[in-house]
C-alpha atoms as a PDB file:
ATOM      1  CA  MET A   1     237.984 276.998 136.346  1.00  0.00           C
ATOM      2  CA  SER A   2     238.199 279.529 133.535  1.00  0.00           C
ATOM      3  CA  LYS A   3     235.349 281.700 132.413  1.00  0.00           C
ATOM      4  CA  LYS A   4     233.502 280.616 129.264  1.00  0.00           C
ATOM      5  CA  ILE A   5     234.769 282.507 126.238  1.00  0.00           C
ATOM      6  CA  SER A   6     232.095 283.696 123.832  1.00  0.00           C
ATOM      7  CA  LYS A   7     232.219 282.526 120.218  1.00  0.00           C
ATOM      8  CA  LYS A   8     232.632 286.139 119.143  1.00  0.00           C
ATOM      9  CA  TYR A   9     235.766 286.412 121.301  1.00  0.00           C
ATOM     10  CA  LYS A  10     237.083 283.031 120.146  1.00  0.00           C
ATOM     11  CA  ASP A  11     236.964 284.306 116.584  1.00  0.00           C
ATOM     12  CA  ARG A  12     239.123 287.254 117.671  1.00  0.00           C
ATOM     13  CA  ILE A  13     241.803 285.504 119.725  1.00  0.00           C
ATOM     14  CA  VAL A  14     244.798 287.658 118.971  1.00  0.00           C
ATOM     15  CA  ALA A  15     248.086 286.161 117.861  1.00  0.00           C
ATOM     16  CA  GLU A  16     249.833 287.093 121.118  1.00  0.00           C
ATOM     17  CA  HIS A  17     247.309 285.145 123.223  1.00  0.00           C
ATOM     18  CA  PHE A  18     247.516 282.140 120.931  1.00  0.00           C
ATOM     19  CA  VAL A  19     251.328 282.173 120.896  1.00  0.00           C
ATOM     20  CA  LYS A  20     251.481 282.505 124.705  1.00  0.00           C
ATOM     21  CA  ALA A  21     249.137 279.524 125.147  1.00  0.00           C
ATOM     22  CA  TRP A  22     251.103 277.534 122.559  1.00  0.00           C
ATOM     23  CA  MET A  23     254.520 278.224 124.043  1.00  0.00           C
ATOM     24  CA  GLU A  24     253.353 277.442 127.595  1.00  0.00           C
ATOM     25  CA  SER A  25     251.627 274.166 126.674  1.00  0.00           C
ATOM     26  CA  SER A  26     252.953 270.648 126.353  1.00  0.00           C
ATOM     27  CA  ASN A  27     250.551 269.434 123.638  1.00  0.00           C
ATOM     28  CA  ILE A  28     247.863 270.667 121.273  1.00  0.00           C
ATOM     29  CA  TYR A  29     245.031 269.495 123.536  1.00  0.00           C
ATOM     30  CA  GLU A  30     246.349 271.744 126.286  1.00  0.00           C
ATOM     31  CA  VAL A  31     246.434 274.736 123.894  1.00  0.00           C
ATOM     32  CA  ALA A  32     242.878 274.003 122.811  1.00  0.00           C
ATOM     33  CA  GLU A  33     241.698 273.747 126.412  1.00  0.00           C
ATOM     34  CA  LYS A  34     243.341 277.042 127.413  1.00  0.00           C
ATOM     35  CA  LEU A  35     241.757 278.905 124.494  1.00  0.00           C
ATOM     36  CA  GLU A  36     238.496 276.908 124.463  1.00  0.00           C
ATOM     37  CA  LEU A  37     239.071 275.813 120.886  1.00  0.00           C
ATOM     38  CA  GLN A  38     238.772 272.448 119.205  1.00  0.00           C
ATOM     39  CA  PRO A  39     242.203 270.750 118.956  1.00  0.00           C
ATOM     40  CA  GLN A  40     241.916 270.758 115.156  1.00  0.00           C
ATOM     41  CA  SER A  41     241.310 274.524 115.189  1.00  0.00           C
ATOM     42  CA  ALA A  42     244.396 275.082 117.346  1.00  0.00           C
ATOM     43  CA  PHE A  43     246.434 272.883 115.007  1.00  0.00           C
ATOM     44  CA  GLN A  44     245.223 274.726 111.901  1.00  0.00           C
ATOM     45  CA  ARG A  45     245.930 278.137 113.423  1.00  0.00           C
ATOM     46  CA  ALA A  46     249.444 277.044 114.413  1.00  0.00           C
ATOM     47  CA  LYS A  47     250.025 275.691 110.912  1.00  0.00           C
ATOM     48  CA  LYS A  48     248.911 279.027 109.424  1.00  0.00           C
ATOM     49  CA  TYR A  49     251.215 280.975 111.740  1.00  0.00           C
ATOM     50  CA  ILE A  50     254.187 278.717 110.958  1.00  0.00           C
ATOM     51  CA  GLU A  51     253.546 279.118 107.213  1.00  0.00           C
ATOM     52  CA  ARG A  52     253.645 282.896 107.732  1.00  0.00           C
ATOM     53  CA  GLY A  53     257.031 282.633 109.448  1.00  0.00           C
ATOM     54  CA  ILE A  54     256.101 282.598 113.163  1.00  0.00           C
ATOM     55  CA  CYS A  55     258.558 280.283 114.954  1.00  0.00           C
ATOM     56  CA  LEU A  56     256.267 278.210 117.171  1.00  0.00           C
ATOM     57  CA  LYS A  57     257.798 275.287 119.012  1.00  0.00           C
ATOM     58  CA  GLN A  58     256.826 271.821 117.855  1.00  0.00           C
ATOM     59  CA  LEU A  59     254.159 270.232 120.036  1.00  0.00           C
ATOM     60  CA  PRO A  60     253.082 266.611 120.108  1.00  0.00           C
ATOM     61  CA  LEU A  61     249.500 265.919 119.106  1.00  0.00           C
ATOM     62  CA  GLY A  62     249.110 263.856 122.271  1.00  0.00           C
ATOM     63  CA  GLY A  63     246.443 264.436 124.813  1.00  0.00           C
ATOM     64  CA  PRO A  64     243.915 262.346 126.693  1.00  0.00           C
ATOM     65  CA  GLY A  65     244.072 258.890 125.187  1.00  0.00           C
ATOM     66  CA  LYS A  66     246.642 259.992 122.623  1.00  0.00           C
ATOM     67  CA  GLY A  67     249.811 258.732 124.286  1.00  0.00           C
ATOM     68  CA  HIS A  68     250.940 262.206 125.396  1.00  0.00           C
ATOM     69  CA  GLY A  69     253.489 262.409 122.613  1.00  0.00           C
ATOM     70  CA  GLU A  70     255.269 259.210 123.599  1.00  0.00           C
ATOM     71  CA  ARG A  71     258.042 257.839 121.431  1.00  0.00           C
ATOM     72  CA  ILE A  72     257.090 254.638 119.670  1.00  0.00           C
ATOM     73  CA  ASN A  73     259.478 251.743 119.147  1.00  0.00           C
ATOM     74  CA  ILE A  74     258.311 250.780 115.663  1.00  0.00           C
ATOM     75  CA  LYS A  75     260.298 247.538 115.517  1.00  0.00           C
ATOM     76  CA  ALA A  76     258.854 246.348 118.844  1.00  0.00           C
ATOM     77  CA  ILE A  77     255.293 247.287 117.847  1.00  0.00           C
ATOM     78  CA  ASN A  78     255.615 245.465 114.521  1.00  0.00           C
ATOM     79  CA  GLU A  79     256.950 242.374 116.305  1.00  0.00           C
ATOM     80  CA  TYR A  80     253.951 242.554 118.646  1.00  0.00           C
ATOM     81  CA  ILE A  81     251.560 242.882 115.688  1.00  0.00           C
ATOM     82  CA  ASN A  82     253.143 239.852 114.011  1.00  0.00           C
ATOM     83  CA  LYS A  83     252.020 237.722 116.971  1.00  0.00           C
ATOM     84  CA  PHE A  84     248.427 238.339 115.852  1.00  0.00           C
ATOM     85  CA  ILE A  85     248.977 237.551 112.181  1.00  0.00           C
ATOM     86  CA  GLU A  86     248.267 233.957 111.338  1.00  0.00           C
ATOM     87  CA  LYS A  87     251.172 232.166 109.775  1.00  0.00           C
ATOM     88  CA  PRO A  88     250.262 230.146 106.659  1.00  0.00           C
ATOM     89  CA  ALA A  89     250.265 226.379 107.176  1.00  0.00           C
ATOM     90  CA  VAL A  90     253.130 224.601 105.407  1.00  0.00           C
END
């Protein structure tokens, strides 16, 4: 596996390394794992770069237990939820 990255180095991850990890990953959890960051930290850094005009691709937030960026059929989910809601007695 990869070598542990020191906190001092993590604080200095250069933009090129971050962008490479981002562009080669399929979700934010993968970016975070590659750079040994928390997913929230990777997300915030990407947000900052995008606000500054860096054209990062859009990544799903998915990861372990997060649905891996799956598309959700909202109508079907709401119909499923309605099965659990008690109907008032008439």
